[in-house]
Protein backbone atom coordinates (compact mmCIF):
# COMPACT_ATOMS: atom_id res chain seq x y z
CA UNK A 1 0.00 0.00 0.00
CA UNK A 2 2.84 2.39 0.87
CA UNK A 3 4.44 1.75 -2.51
CA UNK A 4 1.13 2.47 -4.27
CA UNK A 5 0.66 5.71 -2.36
CA UNK A 6 4.23 6.74 -3.15
CA UNK A 7 3.69 5.99 -6.84
CA UNK A 8 0.43 7.96 -6.91
CA UNK A 9 2.08 10.93 -5.24
CA UNK A 10 4.97 10.73 -7.71
CA UNK A 11 2.57 10.57 -10.66
CA UNK A 12 0.60 13.55 -9.34
CA UNK A 13 3.83 15.53 -8.89
CA UNK A 14 4.94 14.70 -12.42
CA UNK A 15 1.54 15.64 -13.83
CA UNK A 16 1.62 18.91 -11.92
CA UNK A 17 5.09 19.70 -13.27
CA UNK A 18 4.03 18.83 -16.82
CA UNK A 19 0.90 20.95 -16.42
CA UNK A 20 2.98 23.92 -15.26
CA UNK A 21 5.38 23.47 -18.17
CA UNK A 22 2.51 23.31 -20.66
CA UNK A 23 0.91 26.39 -19.09
CA UNK A 24 4.19 28.30 -19.41
CA UNK A 25 4.57 27.21 -23.03
CA UNK A 26 1.03 28.39 -23.74
CA UNK A 27 1.81 31.71 -22.05
CA UNK A 28 4.96 32.06 -24.13
CA UNK A 29 3.05 31.16 -27.29
CA UNK A 30 0.35 33.71 -26.55
CA UNK A 31 3.04 36.35 -26.20
CA UNK A 32 3.67 36.47 -29.93
CA UNK A 33 0.90 34.69 -31.81
CA UNK A 34 -2.03 36.77 -32.98
CA UNK A 35 -1.23 39.82 -30.86
CA UNK A 36 -1.09 43.15 -32.66
CA UNK A 37 1.33 44.79 -30.24
CA UNK A 38 4.13 42.25 -29.80
CA UNK A 39 7.21 42.05 -32.01
CA UNK A 40 9.93 39.50 -31.53
CA UNK A 41 12.63 37.24 -32.79
CA UNK A 42 14.00 33.81 -31.90
CA UNK A 43 17.63 32.82 -32.39
CA UNK A 44 19.04 29.33 -32.08
CA UNK A 45 22.76 29.75 -31.30
CA UNK A 46 23.51 26.12 -32.20
CA UNK A 47 22.08 26.22 -35.72
CA UNK A 48 22.56 30.00 -36.01
CA UNK A 49 19.04 30.40 -37.38
CA UNK A 50 16.45 33.10 -36.79
CA UNK A 51 12.68 33.38 -36.98
CA UNK A 52 10.60 36.51 -36.69
CA UNK A 53 7.74 36.42 -34.18
CA UNK A 54 4.45 38.20 -33.63
CA UNK A 55 3.95 41.30 -35.73
CA UNK A 56 7.54 41.09 -36.96
CA UNK A 57 6.64 38.04 -39.09
CA UNK A 58 7.09 38.77 -42.80
CA UNK A 59 8.28 42.30 -42.03
CA UNK A 60 11.26 43.74 -43.93
CA UNK A 61 13.98 46.08 -42.69
CA UNK A 62 15.35 48.57 -45.20
CA UNK A 63 18.15 51.15 -45.28
CA UNK A 64 18.86 54.33 -47.24
CA UNK A 65 15.23 54.95 -48.13
CA UNK A 66 14.31 51.36 -49.02
CA UNK A 67 11.02 50.05 -47.68
CA UNK A 68 11.21 49.50 -43.93
CA UNK A 69 8.02 47.93 -42.60
CA UNK A 70 8.99 48.74 -39.03
CA UNK A 71 8.83 52.48 -39.70
CA UNK A 72 5.05 52.42 -39.20
CA UNK A 73 5.00 50.07 -36.19
CA UNK A 74 5.39 51.28 -32.60
CA UNK A 75 7.74 51.70 -30.86
CA UNK A 76 9.85 52.20 -34.01
CA UNK A 77 7.39 54.66 -35.57
CA UNK A 78 7.68 56.90 -32.48
CA UNK A 79 11.47 57.19 -32.61
CA UNK A 80 12.29 60.78 -33.65
CA UNK A 81 15.36 62.99 -33.90
CA UNK A 82 14.92 66.26 -32.05
CA UNK A 83 16.46 69.30 -30.41
CA UNK A 84 16.34 68.72 -26.66
CA UNK A 85 16.62 71.47 -24.06
CA UNK A 86 19.04 71.12 -21.16
CA UNK A 87 16.22 70.22 -18.78
CA UNK A 88 16.31 66.84 -20.56
CA UNK A 89 12.54 66.90 -21.08
CA UNK A 90 11.55 69.82 -23.32
CA UNK A 91 11.73 69.16 -27.07
CA UNK A 92 12.35 72.45 -28.86
CA UNK A 93 11.92 71.00 -32.37
CA UNK A 94 11.75 67.71 -34.24
CA UNK A 95 13.62 66.76 -37.40
CA UNK A 96 11.73 68.37 -40.29
CA UNK A 97 10.41 71.33 -38.29
CA UNK A 98 11.35 74.78 -39.52
CA UNK A 99 13.31 75.63 -36.40
CA UNK A 100 15.17 72.31 -36.17
CA UNK A 101 18.96 72.76 -36.33
CA UNK A 102 21.97 70.58 -35.61
CA UNK A 103 24.53 73.16 -34.46
CA UNK A 104 23.51 73.19 -30.80
CA UNK A 105 21.84 76.59 -30.77
CA UNK A 106 18.37 75.12 -30.26
CA UNK A 107 19.27 72.27 -27.94
CA UNK A 108 21.21 69.03 -28.21
CA UNK A 109 20.56 66.75 -31.19
CA UNK A 110 18.99 63.66 -29.66
CA UNK A 111 16.85 60.71 -30.73
CA UNK A 112 13.65 60.32 -28.74
CA UNK A 113 12.50 56.86 -27.68
CA UNK A 114 9.17 55.91 -26.10
CA UNK A 115 8.85 53.24 -23.38
CA UNK A 116 8.49 49.58 -24.30
CA UNK A 117 7.97 46.39 -22.35
CA UNK A 118 10.10 43.33 -23.01
CA UNK A 119 10.34 39.61 -22.33
CA UNK A 120 13.41 37.47 -23.01
CA UNK A 121 13.99 33.82 -22.20
CA UNK A 122 15.53 30.61 -23.48
CA UNK A 123 13.23 27.80 -24.65
CA UNK A 124 14.24 24.69 -26.57
CA UNK A 125 17.73 26.12 -27.09
CA UNK A 126 16.27 29.26 -28.64
CA UNK A 127 16.73 32.77 -27.26
CA UNK A 128 13.35 34.49 -27.54
CA UNK A 129 13.25 38.29 -27.42
CA UNK A 130 9.92 40.15 -27.41
CA UNK A 131 8.99 43.82 -27.09
CA UNK A 132 5.73 45.73 -26.95
CA UNK A 133 4.84 49.43 -26.66
CA UNK A 134 1.78 48.40 -24.61
CA UNK A 135 1.83 47.90 -20.85
CA UNK A 136 2.35 44.22 -20.08
CA UNK A 137 1.74 42.69 -16.66
CA UNK A 138 1.85 39.03 -17.70
CA UNK A 139 4.47 36.70 -16.27
CA UNK A 140 7.96 37.47 -17.51
CA UNK A 141 7.17 40.88 -18.96
CA UNK A 142 8.88 44.01 -17.60
CA UNK A 143 9.17 47.66 -18.49
CA UNK A 144 12.63 48.01 -19.99
CA UNK A 145 14.91 49.50 -17.27
CA UNK A 146 15.96 52.46 -19.44
CA UNK A 147 12.42 53.82 -19.37
CA UNK A 148 11.99 53.66 -15.60
CA UNK A 149 12.35 57.00 -13.86
CA UNK A 150 14.80 56.52 -10.98
CA UNK A 151 12.77 58.80 -8.71
CA UNK A 152 9.13 58.04 -9.51
CA UNK A 153 9.47 54.53 -10.91
CA UNK A 154 7.10 55.53 -13.71
CA UNK A 155 7.61 55.09 -17.47
CA UNK A 156 9.30 58.05 -19.18
CA UNK A 157 10.53 58.92 -22.65
CA UNK A 158 14.28 58.70 -23.11
CA UNK A 159 16.78 60.39 -25.41
CA UNK A 160 19.94 58.94 -26.96
CA UNK A 161 22.47 61.25 -28.60
CA UNK A 162 22.12 61.35 -32.35
CA UNK A 163 25.81 62.17 -32.62
CA UNK A 164 28.97 61.14 -30.81
CA UNK A 165 30.01 63.46 -28.02
CA UNK A 166 32.02 66.62 -28.41
CA UNK A 167 32.87 69.31 -25.86
CA UNK A 168 31.11 72.57 -25.02
CA UNK A 169 33.90 74.75 -23.57
CA UNK A 170 32.37 77.08 -20.99
CA UNK A 171 35.36 79.42 -20.83
CA UNK A 172 35.21 80.02 -24.59
CA UNK A 173 31.38 79.76 -24.77
CA UNK A 174 31.83 77.58 -27.84
CA UNK A 175 31.65 74.01 -29.07
CA UNK A 176 35.06 72.44 -29.64
CA UNK A 177 34.95 71.12 -33.22
CA UNK A 178 38.50 69.80 -33.54
CA UNK A 179 38.88 67.83 -30.27
CA UNK A 180 41.23 70.44 -28.80
CA UNK A 181 42.32 68.98 -25.47
CA UNK A 182 40.99 71.76 -23.27
CA UNK A 183 38.31 70.10 -21.13
CA UNK A 184 37.90 71.16 -17.50
CA UNK A 185 36.51 68.12 -15.68
CA UNK A 186 35.61 69.93 -12.48
CA UNK A 187 31.99 69.28 -11.56
CA UNK A 188 29.88 72.37 -12.16
CA UNK A 189 32.41 74.32 -14.24
CA UNK A 190 30.06 74.36 -17.21
CA UNK A 191 32.18 72.27 -19.62
CA UNK A 192 29.67 69.82 -21.08
CA UNK A 193 29.42 66.74 -23.26
CA UNK A 194 27.37 67.57 -26.34
CA UNK A 195 25.70 66.19 -29.48
CA UNK A 196 25.92 68.33 -32.62
CA UNK A 197 27.06 68.02 -36.24
CA UNK A 198 30.40 69.07 -37.65
CA UNK A 199 32.51 68.13 -34.62
CA UNK A 200 35.34 65.64 -34.28
CA UNK A 201 34.33 63.38 -31.37
CA UNK A 202 35.93 64.12 -28.03
CA UNK A 203 38.84 61.85 -27.03
CA UNK A 204 41.38 61.28 -24.33
CA UNK A 205 44.32 61.99 -26.61
CA UNK A 206 46.17 64.04 -24.01
CA UNK A 207 43.32 65.19 -21.77
CA UNK A 208 42.17 62.90 -18.97
CA UNK A 209 38.94 61.61 -20.50
CA UNK A 210 38.51 58.68 -18.15
CA UNK A 211 35.07 57.14 -17.74
CA UNK A 212 34.40 59.13 -14.57
CA UNK A 213 35.53 62.39 -16.18
CA UNK A 214 33.35 61.77 -19.23
CA UNK A 215 30.51 61.17 -16.78
CA UNK A 216 31.16 64.56 -15.17
CA UNK A 217 30.95 66.33 -18.54
CA UNK A 218 27.63 64.62 -19.22
CA UNK A 219 26.25 65.39 -15.76
CA UNK A 220 27.25 69.05 -16.13
CA UNK A 221 24.59 69.46 -18.81
CA UNK A 222 21.84 68.92 -16.24
CA UNK A 223 20.32 66.58 -13.69
CA UNK A 224 18.78 64.23 -16.28
CA UNK A 225 21.94 63.84 -18.38
CA UNK A 226 24.36 60.92 -18.34
CA UNK A 227 26.97 59.47 -20.66
CA UNK A 228 25.68 56.41 -22.49
CA UNK A 229 25.08 53.58 -20.06
CA UNK A 230 24.14 49.93 -19.93
CA UNK A 231 20.35 50.37 -19.85
CA UNK A 232 20.32 52.79 -22.77
CA UNK A 233 22.68 50.69 -24.86
CA UNK A 234 20.72 47.51 -24.12
CA UNK A 235 17.45 49.11 -25.24
CA UNK A 236 18.95 50.20 -28.56
CA UNK A 237 20.51 46.75 -29.08
CA UNK A 238 17.20 45.00 -28.35
CA UNK A 239 15.22 47.20 -30.74
CA UNK A 240 17.89 46.70 -33.39
CA UNK A 241 17.92 42.92 -33.09
CA UNK A 242 14.17 42.66 -33.69
CA UNK A 243 14.10 45.26 -36.45
CA UNK A 244 17.06 44.17 -38.57
CA UNK A 245 16.32 40.48 -38.01
CA UNK A 246 19.65 39.25 -36.63
CA UNK A 247 22.72 40.32 -34.66
CA UNK A 248 24.94 41.33 -37.58
CA UNK A 249 24.74 45.11 -37.48
CA UNK A 250 27.58 45.74 -39.93
CA UNK A 251 25.98 43.44 -42.51
CA UNK A 252 22.41 44.72 -42.13
CA UNK A 253 22.94 48.45 -41.54
CA UNK A 254 26.46 49.33 -42.68
CA UNK A 255 30.13 48.73 -42.00
CA UNK A 256 30.77 51.93 -40.10
CA UNK A 257 33.89 54.07 -40.02
CA UNK A 258 36.25 51.16 -39.34
CA UNK A 259 38.77 50.94 -42.18
CA UNK A 260 41.02 53.97 -41.84
CA UNK A 261 44.77 53.39 -41.76
CA UNK A 262 45.76 54.34 -38.25
CA UNK A 263 48.55 56.91 -37.98
CA UNK A 264 49.46 55.71 -34.49
CA UNK A 265 49.39 59.16 -32.91
CA UNK A 266 46.16 61.16 -33.37
CA UNK A 267 42.41 61.00 -32.96
CA UNK A 268 41.42 59.99 -36.49
CA UNK A 269 37.67 59.82 -35.91
CA UNK A 270 35.76 61.72 -38.59
CA UNK A 271 33.48 64.62 -37.77
CA UNK A 272 29.84 64.03 -36.91
CA UNK A 273 27.01 64.68 -39.35
CA UNK A 274 27.71 62.50 -42.40
CA UNK A 275 24.30 60.82 -42.03
CA UNK A 276 22.31 63.92 -41.10
CA UNK A 277 20.06 63.68 -44.17
CA UNK A 278 18.84 60.23 -43.09
CA UNK A 279 16.93 61.84 -40.22
CA UNK A 280 14.94 59.28 -38.26
CA UNK A 281 15.96 56.49 -40.60
CA UNK A 282 18.74 53.95 -40.94
CA UNK A 283 21.53 53.40 -43.45
CA UNK A 284 24.98 54.53 -44.38
CA UNK A 285 26.74 57.35 -46.23
CA UNK A 286 30.02 56.94 -48.10
CA UNK A 287 32.59 59.66 -47.37
CA UNK A 288 36.18 59.26 -48.59
CA UNK A 289 35.83 55.50 -48.51
CA UNK A 290 34.31 55.39 -45.02
CA UNK A 291 30.71 54.30 -44.43
CA UNK A 292 29.27 56.32 -41.58
CA UNK A 293 26.23 54.47 -40.27
CA UNK A 294 22.92 55.54 -38.81
CA UNK A 295 20.47 53.31 -36.99
CA UNK A 296 17.05 54.71 -36.11
CA UNK A 297 18.34 58.28 -36.01
CA UNK A 298 21.57 57.42 -34.15
CA UNK A 299 24.86 57.97 -35.97
CA UNK A 300 27.85 55.69 -35.44
CA UNK A 301 26.50 53.57 -32.61
CA UNK A 302 29.53 51.50 -33.62
CA UNK A 303 32.80 52.42 -35.29
CA UNK A 304 34.64 55.75 -35.60
CA UNK A 305 35.70 55.90 -31.94
CA UNK A 306 35.20 53.69 -28.90
CA UNK A 307 32.60 55.05 -26.48
CA UNK A 308 32.57 54.57 -22.72
CA UNK A 309 29.57 52.71 -21.26
CA UNK A 310 28.51 53.46 -17.69
CA UNK A 311 26.65 51.06 -15.40
CA UNK A 312 28.95 48.13 -16.25
CA UNK A 313 31.77 47.09 -13.91
CA UNK A 314 33.93 44.08 -14.66
CA UNK A 315 36.15 41.97 -12.43
CA UNK A 316 37.87 39.13 -14.26
CA UNK A 317 35.01 37.13 -15.88
CA UNK A 318 32.26 38.60 -13.71
CA UNK A 319 30.10 41.50 -14.87
CA UNK A 320 28.06 43.61 -12.49
CA UNK A 321 25.45 45.99 -13.90
CA UNK A 322 23.26 48.72 -12.50
CA UNK A 323 19.59 48.67 -13.50
CA UNK A 324 19.35 52.35 -12.57
CA UNK A 325 19.80 55.22 -15.01
CA UNK A 326 21.95 57.48 -12.81
CA UNK A 327 24.31 57.41 -9.86
CA UNK A 328 27.03 55.47 -11.66
CA UNK A 329 30.28 54.63 -9.87
CA UNK A 330 33.41 52.94 -11.20
CA UNK A 331 34.85 49.67 -9.94
CA UNK A 332 32.24 48.68 -7.34
CA UNK A 333 30.44 45.35 -7.14
CA UNK A 334 27.80 45.88 -4.47
CA UNK A 335 24.66 47.94 -3.93
CA UNK A 336 23.03 48.93 -7.22
CA UNK A 337 25.56 46.80 -9.12
CA UNK A 338 24.37 43.22 -9.41
CA UNK A 339 26.05 40.14 -10.88
CA UNK A 340 24.53 39.07 -14.19
CA UNK A 341 24.22 35.47 -13.04
CA UNK A 342 26.98 33.65 -14.88
CA UNK A 343 30.51 34.39 -16.13
CA UNK A 344 31.20 35.93 -19.49
CA UNK A 345 33.56 34.41 -22.06
CA UNK A 346 37.05 33.96 -20.65
CA UNK A 347 38.91 34.74 -23.88
CA UNK A 348 38.82 37.37 -26.60
CA UNK A 349 37.22 36.36 -29.86
CA UNK A 350 34.15 36.63 -32.07
CA UNK A 351 31.04 36.20 -29.93
CA UNK A 352 29.06 32.99 -30.49
CA UNK A 353 26.55 33.05 -27.62
CA UNK A 354 25.12 35.46 -25.05
CA UNK A 355 24.35 35.41 -21.34
CA UNK A 356 20.56 35.08 -20.97
CA UNK A 357 19.10 33.88 -17.67
CA UNK A 358 16.51 34.88 -15.08
CA UNK A 359 18.98 37.33 -13.51
CA UNK A 360 20.06 38.88 -16.80
CA UNK A 361 17.66 38.84 -19.74
CA UNK A 362 17.98 42.24 -21.35
CA UNK A 363 21.68 42.84 -22.09
CA UNK A 364 24.00 41.44 -24.77
CA UNK A 365 27.05 40.27 -22.87
CA UNK A 366 29.22 37.56 -24.48
CA UNK A 367 29.01 34.04 -23.10
CA UNK A 368 31.20 32.27 -25.66
CA UNK A 369 33.72 33.38 -28.29
CA UNK A 370 33.93 30.64 -30.91
CA UNK A 371 32.23 32.51 -33.75
CA UNK A 372 33.47 34.51 -36.71
CA UNK A 373 32.76 37.84 -38.38
CA UNK A 374 30.11 36.20 -40.58
CA UNK A 375 28.48 33.78 -38.12
CA UNK A 376 26.65 33.95 -34.79
CA UNK A 377 26.85 37.49 -33.31
CA UNK A 378 29.50 38.63 -35.80
CA UNK A 379 31.14 41.11 -33.38
CA UNK A 380 34.32 40.81 -31.34
CA UNK A 381 34.96 40.71 -27.59
CA UNK A 382 38.19 42.12 -26.19
CA UNK A 383 38.98 40.66 -22.77
CA UNK A 384 41.58 40.84 -20.03
CA UNK A 385 41.66 40.03 -16.34
CA UNK A 386 41.35 42.39 -13.41
CA UNK A 387 38.96 45.23 -12.60
CA UNK A 388 37.80 46.88 -15.81
CA UNK A 389 35.33 49.34 -17.29
CA UNK A 390 33.38 48.91 -20.52
CA UNK A 391 33.75 50.28 -24.04
CA UNK A 392 31.42 49.67 -26.97
CA UNK A 393 31.46 49.67 -30.75
CA UNK A 394 35.02 49.70 -32.02
CA UNK A 395 36.98 52.51 -33.65
CA UNK A 396 38.23 53.82 -37.01
CA UNK A 397 40.50 50.83 -37.65
CA UNK A 398 38.35 48.11 -36.03
CA UNK A 399 37.31 46.50 -39.32
CA UNK A 400 35.11 43.42 -38.98
CA UNK A 401 35.78 43.37 -35.22
CA UNK A 402 33.46 46.38 -34.77
CA UNK A 403 29.71 46.36 -34.43
CA UNK A 404 26.72 47.09 -32.19
CA UNK A 405 27.80 44.34 -29.76
CA UNK A 406 31.55 44.75 -29.97
CA UNK A 407 32.62 45.06 -26.35
CA UNK A 408 36.05 45.99 -25.03
CA UNK A 409 36.17 44.78 -21.43
CA UNK A 410 39.91 44.99 -21.08
CA UNK A 411 40.40 48.66 -20.28
CA UNK A 412 40.60 50.17 -16.82
CA UNK A 413 37.87 52.72 -16.16
CA UNK A 414 40.70 55.11 -15.33
CA UNK A 415 42.23 54.77 -18.77
CA UNK A 416 42.23 57.49 -21.41
CA UNK A 417 43.18 57.19 -25.08
CA UNK A 418 43.04 58.98 -28.40
CA UNK A 419 40.54 56.38 -29.63
CA UNK A 420 38.16 56.52 -26.64
CA UNK A 421 35.29 58.98 -26.48
CA UNK A 422 31.77 59.16 -25.11
CA UNK A 423 28.21 60.23 -25.91
CA UNK A 424 25.23 61.54 -23.96
CA UNK A 425 21.78 60.28 -23.07
CA UNK A 426 18.91 61.83 -21.16
């Protein structure tokens, strides 16, 4: 009798587990079948195959004026280049308005993004990524961290710099267009990180543009301003993955400024503004053999010059990230900074898989590096041991190593270099 009771209990437990698994699969299926407000993609890292999900099925991504079906689907349709005031909230003009300018006299040139909800998980060896502009309270769905106001906890619009950062020099009351090494990094001096056209991106050629000093220049613009950080970058990467249909940004959007012959001594990044005419769109522009890229109104998200990323602290193979959008600190691994749940790839190389788990399901950190420039993720990871900061995108001589998920996690946050810059978000 005891054996029979044990068997019945075991059968009931198994049936309960199976029922829960089926219920979760049904929930996952309902996330992207027949719903008008969910877009997604599935990627199998073993077979390196993709399938569009939900309203992304049969949709086409296009560059340089070609048909782009996503341009009329939220949240992509609500992504707009604008002039943003220093309060980080007031839009003075949108691209196409009569008073819209890109020289900084009517506000910083930024790309506006509206909140979206996301869900990401692994099922049957497939990484599923879903987004929706509609509030989602179902299991597994969350408002993307970038759109959470740190004070109120409510959804807010966010702004990502259209152009790579240059310096506003308070003492000269002028934008520095040639990367003259004159920045004053004292908090509150008025020197500010900026986003305008016609400026060589700021660098740490001889000035001390460490990650913390770049942060100060961004913060000097106002209380809502930061240099680009993990949450902002992750949101752009997630939108890009679903829109372009795979991880290969250089192949789908454009190579980027990555093939200059390095002179070994100067900041060779080209001036901002090559892609200005593309407005809210995506594509590339050829200039002296270099293909400046634009994705959804953002120029040179990769290539041209490395950009610091805040909110990411690295110690050996462990990454700690902050889910907040302010209050960033270098080289700490407690408090707001939480471990992503598993180690990243231990060696440099082309990324072949990503860390996706219940702790970390919204970033694109490398898990394995056995890929190539034409397979899997298609972007390179630079690694070293010790306490490190984070750089993204590659530079003017990065070649096929560069891309939207090309991470350099081998540089101290206190480093500065002629090929390291920054950009602002609000």
